[in-house]
Protein backbone atom coordinates (compact mmCIF):
# COMPACT_ATOMS: atom_id res chain seq x y z
CA UNK A 1 0.00 0.00 0.00
CA UNK A 2 1.20 3.49 -0.87
CA UNK A 3 0.48 6.38 1.49
CA UNK A 4 0.67 9.91 0.08
CA UNK A 5 0.63 12.88 2.44
CA UNK A 6 -0.38 16.33 1.18
CA UNK A 7 2.46 18.85 1.30
CA UNK A 8 0.12 21.50 2.74
CA UNK A 9 -1.26 19.31 5.55
CA UNK A 10 -1.07 20.77 9.05
CA UNK A 11 -0.93 24.18 10.73
CA UNK A 12 -1.29 27.22 8.50
CA UNK A 13 0.48 30.47 9.28
CA UNK A 14 -2.46 32.03 11.11
CA UNK A 15 -3.14 29.01 13.32
CA UNK A 16 0.56 28.53 14.12
CA UNK A 17 0.81 32.21 15.05
CA UNK A 18 -2.22 32.04 17.35
CA UNK A 19 -1.11 28.83 19.07
CA UNK A 20 2.44 30.14 19.50
CA UNK A 21 1.13 33.36 21.02
CA UNK A 22 -1.03 31.44 23.49
CA UNK A 23 1.70 28.99 24.50
CA UNK A 24 4.34 31.71 24.83
CA UNK A 25 1.96 33.72 26.97
CA UNK A 26 1.27 30.67 29.18
CA UNK A 27 5.00 29.99 29.60
CA UNK A 28 5.89 33.60 30.42
CA UNK A 29 2.79 35.26 31.89
CA UNK A 30 2.40 35.30 35.67
CA UNK A 31 -1.24 36.39 35.80
CA UNK A 32 -4.42 34.60 34.69
CA UNK A 33 -4.80 34.02 30.97
CA UNK A 34 -7.68 32.76 28.82
CA UNK A 35 -9.01 32.85 25.27
CA UNK A 36 -12.23 34.52 24.20
CA UNK A 37 -13.95 31.58 22.56
CA UNK A 38 -12.00 28.56 21.22
CA UNK A 39 -8.64 29.80 19.90
CA UNK A 40 -8.83 27.41 16.93
CA UNK A 41 -11.10 24.57 15.85
CA UNK A 42 -9.11 21.60 17.09
CA UNK A 43 -10.20 19.76 20.26
CA UNK A 44 -6.77 18.23 21.01
CA UNK A 45 -5.03 21.61 20.94
CA UNK A 46 -7.78 23.16 23.05
CA UNK A 47 -7.34 20.38 25.62
CA UNK A 48 -3.61 21.12 25.75
CA UNK A 49 -4.24 24.82 26.27
CA UNK A 50 -6.68 23.94 29.07
CA UNK A 51 -3.95 21.79 30.70
CA UNK A 52 -1.55 24.73 30.51
CA UNK A 53 -4.01 26.93 32.37
CA UNK A 54 -5.59 28.68 29.38
CA UNK A 55 -9.36 28.13 29.70
CA UNK A 56 -12.00 29.35 27.25
CA UNK A 57 -14.05 32.39 28.25
CA UNK A 58 -17.48 32.14 26.62
CA UNK A 59 -19.01 35.40 27.83
CA UNK A 60 -17.78 38.87 28.77
CA UNK A 61 -18.00 39.62 32.50
CA UNK A 62 -18.49 43.11 33.90
CA UNK A 63 -15.04 42.95 35.48
CA UNK A 64 -12.05 40.89 34.44
CA UNK A 65 -8.32 40.64 35.04
CA UNK A 66 -5.27 39.18 33.40
CA UNK A 67 -4.71 38.51 29.71
CA UNK A 68 -7.37 37.46 27.24
CA UNK A 69 -6.46 36.20 23.77
CA UNK A 70 -8.71 36.90 20.81
CA UNK A 71 -9.30 33.75 18.79
CA UNK A 72 -7.67 33.24 15.37
CA UNK A 73 -11.04 33.77 13.67
CA UNK A 74 -11.36 37.32 15.04
CA UNK A 75 -14.28 38.91 16.86
CA UNK A 76 -16.58 41.94 16.29
CA UNK A 77 -14.94 45.26 17.29
CA UNK A 78 -17.67 45.95 19.83
CA UNK A 79 -16.78 42.77 21.73
CA UNK A 80 -13.11 43.68 21.74
CA UNK A 81 -13.98 47.05 23.28
CA UNK A 82 -16.11 45.36 25.95
CA UNK A 83 -13.18 43.12 26.87
CA UNK A 84 -10.91 46.13 27.27
CA UNK A 85 -13.53 48.01 29.29
CA UNK A 86 -13.91 44.99 31.58
CA UNK A 87 -10.23 45.33 32.54
CA UNK A 88 -8.61 42.61 30.45
CA UNK A 89 -5.27 43.03 28.73
CA UNK A 90 -6.24 42.05 25.19
CA UNK A 91 -3.83 40.02 23.04
CA UNK A 92 -5.02 39.87 19.44
CA UNK A 93 -4.29 36.49 17.82
CA UNK A 94 -6.59 37.14 14.85
CA UNK A 95 -5.15 35.64 11.68
CA UNK A 96 -3.52 38.37 9.51
CA UNK A 97 -5.54 37.09 6.54
CA UNK A 98 -8.76 37.69 8.50
CA UNK A 99 -7.53 41.12 9.57
CA UNK A 100 -7.14 41.98 5.87
CA UNK A 101 -10.81 41.14 5.28
CA UNK A 102 -11.83 43.15 8.34
CA UNK A 103 -9.92 46.13 6.98
CA UNK A 104 -11.58 45.88 3.56
CA UNK A 105 -15.02 45.72 5.17
CA UNK A 106 -14.36 48.64 7.53
CA UNK A 107 -13.07 50.84 4.71
CA UNK A 108 -16.00 50.22 2.36
CA UNK A 109 -18.63 50.35 5.10
CA UNK A 110 -17.44 53.85 5.95
CA UNK A 111 -17.87 54.84 2.29
CA UNK A 112 -21.48 53.61 2.18
CA UNK A 113 -21.08 50.17 0.61
CA UNK A 114 -23.19 47.15 1.49
CA UNK A 115 -21.06 44.13 2.41
CA UNK A 116 -21.93 40.65 1.13
CA UNK A 117 -20.01 37.87 2.86
CA UNK A 118 -19.87 34.44 1.23
CA UNK A 119 -19.59 32.09 4.18
CA UNK A 120 -21.28 30.20 6.98
CA UNK A 121 -23.42 32.57 9.05
CA UNK A 122 -22.69 30.73 12.29
CA UNK A 123 -18.92 30.52 11.79
CA UNK A 124 -16.97 32.70 14.29
CA UNK A 125 -14.99 34.39 11.50
CA UNK A 126 -18.16 35.44 9.69
CA UNK A 127 -19.73 36.64 12.94
CA UNK A 128 -16.65 38.77 13.51
CA UNK A 129 -16.71 40.16 9.95
CA UNK A 130 -20.38 41.10 10.29
CA UNK A 131 -19.41 43.16 13.30
CA UNK A 132 -17.35 45.40 11.01
CA UNK A 133 -20.16 45.69 8.45
CA UNK A 134 -22.91 46.61 10.90
CA UNK A 135 -26.43 46.93 9.48
CA UNK A 136 -25.12 46.85 5.89
CA UNK A 137 -23.76 43.31 6.23
CA UNK A 138 -25.32 40.28 4.52
CA UNK A 139 -24.26 36.61 4.62
CA UNK A 140 -24.90 34.21 1.75
CA UNK A 141 -24.02 30.53 1.46
CA UNK A 142 -25.49 29.77 -1.99
CA UNK A 143 -25.99 31.34 -5.38
CA UNK A 144 -29.74 31.42 -4.72
CA UNK A 145 -29.27 33.53 -1.59
CA UNK A 146 -27.01 35.92 -3.51
CA UNK A 147 -29.53 36.35 -6.33
CA UNK A 148 -32.34 36.93 -3.80
CA UNK A 149 -30.64 39.98 -2.28
CA UNK A 150 -31.80 43.45 -3.37
CA UNK A 151 -29.72 45.20 -6.00
CA UNK A 152 -27.57 47.65 -4.04
CA UNK A 153 -26.22 50.86 -5.48
CA UNK A 154 -22.83 50.17 -3.95
CA UNK A 155 -21.71 46.81 -2.67
CA UNK A 156 -18.65 44.66 -2.16
CA UNK A 157 -18.39 40.90 -1.93
CA UNK A 158 -15.83 39.15 0.26
CA UNK A 159 -15.37 35.52 1.21
CA UNK A 160 -14.80 33.73 4.46
CA UNK A 161 -11.07 33.00 4.27
CA UNK A 162 -11.72 29.22 4.29
CA UNK A 163 -14.48 29.28 1.66
CA UNK A 164 -14.64 26.72 -1.15
CA UNK A 165 -12.64 28.25 -4.00
CA UNK A 166 -14.83 26.79 -6.74
CA UNK A 167 -18.00 28.09 -5.13
CA UNK A 168 -16.49 31.57 -4.87
CA UNK A 169 -15.30 31.46 -8.47
CA UNK A 170 -18.93 30.81 -9.42
CA UNK A 171 -20.00 33.86 -7.41
CA UNK A 172 -17.40 36.02 -9.13
CA UNK A 173 -18.56 34.86 -12.57
CA UNK A 174 -22.23 35.55 -11.74
CA UNK A 175 -21.48 39.01 -10.34
CA UNK A 176 -19.53 39.96 -13.48
CA UNK A 177 -22.62 39.20 -15.57
CA UNK A 178 -25.47 40.24 -13.26
CA UNK A 179 -24.03 42.86 -10.87
CA UNK A 180 -21.07 44.28 -12.73
CA UNK A 181 -20.99 47.41 -10.53
CA UNK A 182 -20.22 45.33 -7.41
CA UNK A 183 -16.63 45.00 -6.25
CA UNK A 184 -15.48 41.42 -5.69
CA UNK A 185 -12.46 40.82 -3.46
CA UNK A 186 -10.71 37.45 -3.45
CA UNK A 187 -10.23 37.11 0.29
CA UNK A 188 -9.85 33.34 0.40
CA UNK A 189 -6.57 32.59 2.14
CA UNK A 190 -3.86 31.44 -0.28
CA UNK A 191 -3.15 28.57 2.11
CA UNK A 192 -6.81 27.49 1.85
CA UNK A 193 -6.68 27.65 -1.94
CA UNK A 194 -3.47 25.60 -2.10
CA UNK A 195 -4.89 22.97 0.27
CA UNK A 196 -8.08 22.60 -1.74
CA UNK A 197 -6.24 22.41 -5.07
CA UNK A 198 -3.81 19.84 -3.70
CA UNK A 199 -6.65 17.81 -2.19
CA UNK A 200 -8.46 17.79 -5.54
CA UNK A 201 -5.29 16.58 -7.30
CA UNK A 202 -4.61 14.05 -4.54
CA UNK A 203 -8.16 12.66 -4.72
CA UNK A 204 -7.70 11.87 -8.42
CA UNK A 205 -4.61 9.74 -7.68
CA UNK A 206 -5.76 7.64 -4.70
CA UNK A 207 -8.51 5.23 -3.68
CA UNK A 208 -9.29 6.94 -0.38
CA UNK A 209 -8.72 10.43 1.01
CA UNK A 210 -8.50 10.78 4.79
CA UNK A 211 -9.03 14.35 5.98
CA UNK A 212 -7.70 14.99 9.49
CA UNK A 213 -9.01 17.89 11.53
CA UNK A 214 -11.64 19.25 13.88
CA UNK A 215 -15.25 18.56 12.98
CA UNK A 216 -16.05 22.22 13.67
CA UNK A 217 -13.22 23.47 11.45
CA UNK A 218 -14.56 25.22 8.35
CA UNK A 219 -11.42 24.75 6.26
CA UNK A 220 -11.27 21.03 7.15
CA UNK A 221 -14.92 20.57 6.17
CA UNK A 222 -14.12 22.21 2.82
CA UNK A 223 -11.30 19.72 2.21
CA UNK A 224 -13.70 16.83 2.79
CA UNK A 225 -16.16 18.46 0.36
CA UNK A 226 -13.44 18.87 -2.28
CA UNK A 227 -12.46 15.21 -1.98
CA UNK A 228 -16.08 14.13 -2.47
CA UNK A 229 -16.47 16.48 -5.43
CA UNK A 230 -13.61 14.59 -7.08
CA UNK A 231 -15.65 11.38 -6.79
CA UNK A 232 -13.19 9.70 -4.42
CA UNK A 233 -14.12 7.98 -1.16
CA UNK A 234 -13.25 10.23 1.76
CA UNK A 235 -13.18 10.05 5.54
CA UNK A 236 -13.13 13.05 7.90
CA UNK A 237 -11.63 12.22 11.28
CA UNK A 238 -10.33 14.17 14.26
CA UNK A 239 -7.85 11.56 15.52
CA UNK A 240 -6.35 8.16 14.71
CA UNK A 241 -8.81 6.43 17.04
CA UNK A 242 -11.63 7.17 14.59
CA UNK A 243 -10.11 5.16 11.71
CA UNK A 244 -12.34 2.09 11.07
CA UNK A 245 -10.42 -1.19 11.03
CA UNK A 246 -11.84 -2.28 7.66
CA UNK A 247 -11.46 1.08 5.88
CA UNK A 248 -8.27 0.01 4.08
CA UNK A 249 -9.74 -3.16 2.58
CA UNK A 250 -9.02 -3.34 -1.17
CA UNK A 251 -7.34 0.08 -1.04
CA UNK A 252 -3.92 0.36 -2.69
CA UNK A 253 -3.31 4.13 -2.53
CA UNK A 254 -4.27 6.27 0.47
CA UNK A 255 -4.13 10.06 0.45
CA UNK A 256 -3.92 12.01 3.70
CA UNK A 257 -4.50 15.72 4.13
CA UNK A 258 -5.23 17.85 7.17
CA UNK A 259 -6.93 21.10 8.04
CA UNK A 260 -5.12 24.29 8.93
CA UNK A 261 -5.69 23.71 12.66
CA UNK A 262 -4.41 20.12 12.79
CA UNK A 263 -1.10 19.73 14.69
CA UNK A 264 1.71 17.61 13.28
CA UNK A 265 1.59 15.00 16.02
CA UNK A 266 -2.05 14.16 15.24
CA UNK A 267 -1.12 13.75 11.57
CA UNK A 268 1.82 11.48 12.48
CA UNK A 269 -0.42 9.32 14.67
CA UNK A 270 -2.86 8.89 11.79
CA UNK A 271 -0.07 7.91 9.38
CA UNK A 272 1.37 5.45 11.92
CA UNK A 273 -2.05 3.86 12.52
CA UNK A 274 -2.70 3.44 8.80
CA UNK A 275 0.76 1.91 8.29
CA UNK A 276 0.13 -0.53 11.13
CA UNK A 277 -3.27 -1.55 9.72
CA UNK A 278 -1.80 -1.93 6.25
CA UNK A 279 0.88 -4.31 7.53
CA UNK A 280 -1.53 -6.81 9.08
CA UNK A 281 -1.49 -8.68 5.77
CA UNK A 282 2.32 -8.65 5.64
CA UNK A 283 3.89 -10.10 8.82
CA UNK A 284 7.41 -9.55 7.47
CA UNK A 285 6.84 -5.82 6.91
CA UNK A 286 5.22 -5.55 10.33
CA UNK A 287 8.26 -7.10 12.01
CA UNK A 288 10.66 -4.87 10.07
CA UNK A 289 8.71 -1.78 11.16
CA UNK A 290 8.67 -2.94 14.80
CA UNK A 291 12.42 -3.57 14.78
CA UNK A 292 13.08 -0.24 13.08
CA UNK A 293 10.86 1.60 15.56
CA UNK A 294 12.47 -0.11 18.58
CA UNK A 295 16.02 0.61 17.40
CA UNK A 296 15.14 4.28 16.98
CA UNK A 297 13.07 4.70 20.15
CA UNK A 298 15.52 2.82 22.37
CA UNK A 299 18.45 4.90 21.02
CA UNK A 300 20.35 1.68 20.24
CA UNK A 301 20.59 2.67 16.58
CA UNK A 302 21.96 6.08 17.54
CA UNK A 303 24.56 4.39 19.77
CA UNK A 304 25.64 2.31 16.77
CA UNK A 305 26.05 5.57 14.87
CA UNK A 306 28.31 6.93 17.63
CA UNK A 307 30.51 3.82 17.39
CA UNK A 308 30.71 4.21 13.60
CA UNK A 309 31.59 7.91 13.78
CA UNK A 310 34.33 7.20 16.32
CA UNK A 311 35.88 4.71 13.89
CA UNK A 312 35.52 7.12 10.94
CA UNK A 313 37.22 9.94 12.88
CA UNK A 314 40.30 7.78 13.56
CA UNK A 315 40.52 6.82 9.90
CA UNK A 316 40.30 10.48 8.84
CA UNK A 317 43.29 11.22 11.06
CA UNK A 318 45.26 8.30 9.67
CA UNK A 319 45.79 6.10 12.74
CA UNK A 320 44.56 2.65 13.66
CA UNK A 321 41.35 2.64 15.65
CA UNK A 322 40.82 0.53 18.75
CA UNK A 323 37.39 -1.08 19.13
CA UNK A 324 37.08 -0.17 22.79
CA UNK A 325 36.78 3.52 21.91
CA UNK A 326 33.80 2.77 19.68
CA UNK A 327 32.34 0.84 22.62
CA UNK A 328 32.94 3.81 24.91
CA UNK A 329 31.22 6.15 22.45
CA UNK A 330 28.26 3.79 21.98
CA UNK A 331 27.65 3.14 25.68
CA UNK A 332 27.95 6.80 26.68
CA UNK A 333 25.52 7.96 23.98
CA UNK A 334 23.10 5.15 24.79
CA UNK A 335 23.15 5.96 28.50
CA UNK A 336 22.78 9.74 28.15
CA UNK A 337 20.14 9.55 25.40
CA UNK A 338 18.00 7.16 27.42
CA UNK A 339 18.18 9.42 30.47
CA UNK A 340 17.31 12.45 28.31
CA UNK A 341 14.40 10.57 26.73
CA UNK A 342 13.08 9.55 30.14
CA UNK A 343 13.08 13.19 31.24
CA UNK A 344 11.59 14.31 27.91
CA UNK A 345 8.45 12.15 27.98
CA UNK A 346 6.08 15.17 28.34
CA UNK A 347 7.11 16.58 24.94
CA UNK A 348 7.32 13.10 23.41
CA UNK A 349 3.63 12.61 24.12
CA UNK A 350 3.10 15.08 21.27
CA UNK A 351 6.23 14.64 19.14
CA UNK A 352 6.65 10.87 19.34
CA UNK A 353 3.74 9.20 21.17
CA UNK A 354 5.01 5.69 20.32
CA UNK A 355 8.33 6.39 22.02
CA UNK A 356 6.63 8.04 25.00
CA UNK A 357 4.40 4.97 25.45
CA UNK A 358 7.40 2.63 25.14
CA UNK A 359 9.36 4.46 27.84
CA UNK A 360 6.39 4.89 30.16
CA UNK A 361 5.52 1.19 29.87
CA UNK A 362 9.09 -0.10 30.28
CA UNK A 363 10.61 2.64 32.45
CA UNK A 364 12.46 0.22 34.82
CA UNK A 365 14.03 -1.62 31.88
CA UNK A 366 15.36 1.59 30.34
CA UNK A 367 16.72 2.82 33.67
CA UNK A 368 18.61 -0.47 34.05
CA UNK A 369 19.81 -0.35 30.43
CA UNK A 370 21.05 3.23 30.81
CA UNK A 371 22.82 2.41 34.06
CA UNK A 372 24.41 -0.72 32.60
CA UNK A 373 25.58 1.16 29.50
CA UNK A 374 27.05 3.96 31.61
CA UNK A 375 28.94 1.56 33.89
CA UNK A 376 30.19 -0.47 30.92
CA UNK A 377 31.53 2.68 29.26
CA UNK A 378 33.30 3.84 32.43
CA UNK A 379 34.79 0.36 33.03
CA UNK A 380 36.06 0.20 29.45
CA UNK A 381 37.54 3.69 29.73
CA UNK A 382 39.22 2.79 33.05
CA UNK A 383 40.80 -0.25 31.41
CA UNK A 384 42.07 2.00 28.58
CA UNK A 385 43.85 4.35 30.98
CA UNK A 386 43.53 7.20 33.43
CA UNK A 387 43.11 9.89 30.74
CA UNK A 388 40.16 8.34 28.88
CA UNK A 389 38.53 7.38 32.19
CA UNK A 390 38.88 10.93 33.57
CA UNK A 391 37.50 12.45 30.36
CA UNK A 392 34.53 10.08 30.26
CA UNK A 393 33.85 10.50 33.97
CA UNK A 394 33.61 14.27 33.67
CA UNK A 395 31.49 13.96 30.50
CA UNK A 396 29.13 11.61 32.35
CA UNK A 397 28.97 14.02 35.28
CA UNK A 398 28.25 16.90 32.89
CA UNK A 399 25.54 14.85 31.18
CA UNK A 400 23.83 14.14 34.50
CA UNK A 401 24.14 17.76 35.65
CA UNK A 402 22.68 19.00 32.36
CA UNK A 403 19.13 18.38 33.57
CA UNK A 404 19.79 18.84 37.30
CA UNK A 405 18.81 22.17 38.95
CA UNK A 406 21.99 24.08 39.80
CA UNK A 407 20.21 26.87 41.64
CA UNK A 408 17.33 26.68 44.12
CA UNK A 409 14.13 28.25 42.85
CA UNK A 410 14.36 30.97 45.52
CA UNK A 411 17.74 32.18 44.22
CA UNK A 412 16.92 32.04 40.50
CA UNK A 413 15.67 35.35 39.14
CA UNK A 414 14.70 33.79 35.80
CA UNK A 415 13.38 30.47 34.53
CA UNK A 416 16.98 29.29 33.96
CA UNK A 417 17.91 26.92 36.81
CA UNK A 418 19.87 24.25 34.90
CA UNK A 419 21.97 23.96 31.76
CA UNK A 420 19.01 22.55 29.84
CA UNK A 421 17.07 25.75 30.52
CA UNK A 422 19.57 27.82 28.52
CA UNK A 423 17.84 28.53 25.18
CA UNK A 424 19.33 26.50 22.33
CA UNK A 425 21.93 24.85 24.56
CA UNK A 426 20.92 21.24 23.84
CA UNK A 427 21.85 21.19 20.16
CA UNK A 428 25.22 22.89 20.67
CA UNK A 429 26.27 20.89 23.74
CA UNK A 430 25.29 17.55 22.16
CA UNK A 431 27.40 18.35 19.08
CA UNK A 432 30.40 19.28 21.24
CA UNK A 433 29.99 16.14 23.37
CA UNK A 434 29.98 13.91 20.31
CA UNK A 435 33.08 15.66 18.96
CA UNK A 436 34.95 15.11 22.23
CA UNK A 437 33.74 11.53 22.57
CA UNK A 438 34.39 10.38 18.99
CA UNK A 439 37.51 12.44 18.24
CA UNK A 440 39.31 14.08 21.15
CA UNK A 441 39.08 11.16 23.61
CA UNK A 442 40.39 8.35 21.35
CA UNK A 443 43.00 10.59 19.72
CA UNK A 444 44.39 11.75 23.08
CA UNK A 445 44.48 8.19 24.40
CA UNK A 446 45.96 6.47 21.32
CA UNK A 447 48.29 9.13 19.88
CA UNK A 448 48.80 11.33 22.89
CA UNK A 449 48.62 14.55 20.87
CA UNK A 450 46.17 16.60 18.78
CA UNK A 451 46.82 18.20 15.40
CA UNK A 452 45.07 19.89 12.49
CA UNK A 453 43.50 16.62 11.38
CA UNK A 454 42.04 16.23 14.87
CA UNK A 455 40.42 19.67 14.67
CA UNK A 456 39.06 18.96 11.18
CA UNK A 457 37.67 15.59 12.29
CA UNK A 458 36.12 17.21 15.37
CA UNK A 459 34.34 19.78 13.18
CA UNK A 460 33.17 17.05 10.78
CA UNK A 461 31.61 14.97 13.56
CA UNK A 462 30.21 17.93 15.51
CA UNK A 463 28.63 19.46 12.41
CA UNK A 464 26.93 16.21 11.34
CA UNK A 465 25.54 15.68 14.84
CA UNK A 466 24.51 19.34 15.14
CA UNK A 467 22.50 19.09 11.91
CA UNK A 468 20.97 15.76 12.91
CA UNK A 469 19.91 17.07 16.34
CA UNK A 470 18.64 20.42 15.07
CA UNK A 471 16.60 18.77 12.32
CA UNK A 472 14.92 16.45 14.82
CA UNK A 473 14.22 19.56 16.92
CA UNK A 474 12.46 21.06 13.89
CA UNK A 475 10.31 17.93 13.61
CA UNK A 476 9.52 18.21 17.33
CA UNK A 477 8.97 21.96 17.34
CA UNK A 478 5.25 22.01 18.15
CA UNK A 479 5.55 19.60 21.08
CA UNK A 480 8.66 21.33 22.44
CA UNK A 481 6.92 24.69 22.36
CA UNK A 482 3.92 23.29 24.22
CA UNK A 483 6.06 22.06 27.14
CA UNK A 484 8.10 25.27 27.19
CA UNK A 485 11.39 24.06 25.68
CA UNK A 486 13.46 26.70 23.90
CA UNK A 487 15.32 24.74 21.25
CA UNK A 488 17.34 26.32 18.46
CA UNK A 489 14.52 26.07 15.86
CA UNK A 490 12.15 27.77 18.29
CA UNK A 491 14.64 30.61 18.74
CA UNK A 492 15.55 30.99 15.05
CA UNK A 493 12.33 29.81 13.42
CA UNK A 494 11.84 26.86 11.07
CA UNK A 495 12.91 28.57 7.85
CA UNK A 496 16.11 30.11 9.23
CA UNK A 497 17.00 26.86 10.98
CA UNK A 498 16.67 24.84 7.77
CA UNK A 499 18.79 27.37 5.86
CA UNK A 500 21.43 27.20 8.58
CA UNK A 501 21.55 23.40 8.44
CA UNK A 502 21.91 23.27 4.66
CA UNK A 503 24.62 25.96 4.80
CA UNK A 504 26.49 24.02 7.48
CA UNK A 505 26.27 20.74 5.55
CA UNK A 506 27.51 22.47 2.41
CA UNK A 507 30.51 23.71 4.41
CA UNK A 508 31.19 20.16 5.68
CA UNK A 509 30.90 18.71 2.17
CA UNK A 510 33.29 21.24 0.60
CA UNK A 511 35.53 21.25 3.68
CA UNK A 512 36.14 17.51 3.32
CA UNK A 513 37.59 17.99 -0.15
CA UNK A 514 39.57 21.02 1.04
CA UNK A 515 41.14 18.94 3.81
CA UNK A 516 42.07 16.26 1.25
CA UNK A 517 43.60 18.94 -1.03
CA UNK A 518 45.66 20.27 1.89
CA UNK A 519 46.72 16.71 2.84
CA UNK A 520 44.99 17.00 6.21
CA UNK A 521 42.83 13.96 5.37
CA UNK A 522 44.01 10.97 3.31
CA UNK A 523 42.97 10.99 -0.36
CA UNK A 524 40.50 8.13 0.15
CA UNK A 525 38.51 10.25 2.64
CA UNK A 526 36.53 11.74 -0.26
CA UNK A 527 34.04 8.92 0.34
CA UNK A 528 33.13 10.54 3.66
CA UNK A 529 31.69 13.51 1.77
CA UNK A 530 28.79 11.20 0.87
CA UNK A 531 26.92 11.37 4.25
CA UNK A 532 26.69 15.21 4.33
CA UNK A 533 25.71 15.20 0.64
CA UNK A 534 22.92 12.68 1.25
CA UNK A 535 21.78 14.65 4.30
CA UNK A 536 21.51 17.80 2.16
CA UNK A 537 19.43 15.81 -0.33
CA UNK A 538 17.13 14.53 2.44
CA UNK A 539 16.63 17.99 3.98
CA UNK A 540 15.87 19.55 0.59
CA UNK A 541 13.43 16.71 -0.10
CA UNK A 542 11.71 17.30 3.23
CA UNK A 543 11.46 21.04 2.59
CA UNK A 544 9.94 20.50 -0.87
CA UNK A 545 7.51 17.88 0.47
CA UNK A 546 8.95 15.03 -1.63
CA UNK A 547 10.14 13.26 1.52
CA UNK A 548 7.69 13.13 4.47
CA UNK A 549 9.07 13.96 7.91
CA UNK A 550 8.26 10.59 9.46
CA UNK A 551 9.91 7.62 11.16
CA UNK A 552 11.49 6.44 7.92
CA UNK A 553 13.24 9.76 7.40
CA UNK A 554 14.51 9.67 10.99
CA UNK A 555 15.82 6.14 10.41
CA UNK A 556 17.58 7.18 7.21
CA UNK A 557 19.22 10.17 8.90
CA UNK A 558 20.51 8.00 11.76
CA UNK A 559 21.72 5.50 9.14
CA UNK A 560 24.03 8.15 7.69
CA UNK A 561 26.08 8.08 10.90
CA UNK A 562 26.51 4.33 10.52
CA UNK A 563 27.29 4.84 6.83
CA UNK A 564 30.26 6.99 7.85
CA UNK A 565 31.76 4.02 9.70
CA UNK A 566 31.06 1.65 6.79
CA UNK A 567 32.75 4.03 4.34
CA UNK A 568 35.72 4.35 6.70
CA UNK A 569 36.01 0.54 6.80
CA UNK A 570 35.94 0.45 3.00
CA UNK A 571 38.73 3.03 2.89
CA UNK A 572 40.74 1.01 5.40
CA UNK A 573 40.35 -2.16 3.30
CA UNK A 574 41.33 -0.36 0.09
CA UNK A 575 44.49 1.01 1.70
CA UNK A 576 45.48 -2.43 2.93
């Protein structure tokens, strides 16, 4: 079975902005905070906001306090004034696309135009728009209702930003013929238009279209309508639990799209559920997926990558590698990553629910595994000598202290009480730790000195790990923001972070050949330019939508670390 995910599925700009504003306010605001009406039309997100202490205010009290957030759909101006008069500090999370429509309506209402809104009369956005039109506002949801309106001397027509594009095109055509003096504004959000067009194209290529999103969401309802208009079977669900067990029978191609208010983790859960159901007829594929998922979730596969990178770094410097240093790298990474995963379960519930469930269910096992790996690494380092043992001991201590509070809450004047609370620190410190573990430690122990090749190898390893970690942070951005983490992508933004990663990989790729030209690396090391090149290809594919950001992509990225070790072994064999 082939699963095709729409490139436009998930949060749109306006929804992301509103949710980010609410979560940032919850993480930083000290006073009470609430939203006036549901912030967006997605029950899972609303439940999360409720858990973070952001309830929904349904009416306007005479007196209020704290911060109140205006929903993404906007509200009538009179209601906003009442909120301010009641004593609330108003934070406007209205989508900029909706604000544009409000501005158009306000401007033309003041000049005496009637306002015709093509939309659902009960939808919050339309209710808000009517507030700007006053007594000259009219709502229509069909061509018949439009034709039944009186002929106004001056009138404008606007659309609810999530309106069906084909329906509105019909309105525009009719107005050109029958009411040519009316002004028609195309106020449908470009994101809405792209989603609907992609859903129409997707529906023509698959046997079933699954639309994921809130049942109250107007834009999600439109996507389901578009899929049905294409004559393809469609299913509108809010979560993976609603997928019928027999829905995939006789289906070979499944298309998945999602409304503008659907978070990424809900979409990933739906994809995972469909994949699991599709594999019931193929036991071999099911076992492969389980093994792949366990290797990733348990961090065993990542530990294998650390061992491989340690071996590759020695080869790049031109000295014989000792297996025990790969073992030290693997056990340290396994131990620290398991401990970090155990402390990161709250965000994993959104970013990687399968991993969160695995660690919650088998917490004692992973504690024992992490402890055993840590002790094994220290014992191996002690056997190798005082220097490697001392280096690993202090790295282990630093890893443990990374999440431990260094200051009591009473003495901390900010939210920063531990190293992990420093914004963006995780990605940088992990990259440095890998560089020390895979390059500095074995080189110091085996050769006893560092040189230019050591520095170049350190930068190669640290850069690859930095990109790998930062990219996974991009995939986990929504969940990290919800729990208050300040990772590098949250600080820089998704677009800038992706550009930074591609720029860094390009530097690693070209730097490898430069080091060969300067005789810093052996000539055969050109093969090690392959992993950063493939990583660039994967990131560009993910950005363009050709490669979905799912478990398979994560597995392939981790595989590139192991590929570095395999290529180093090939180089070693060719030299011999």
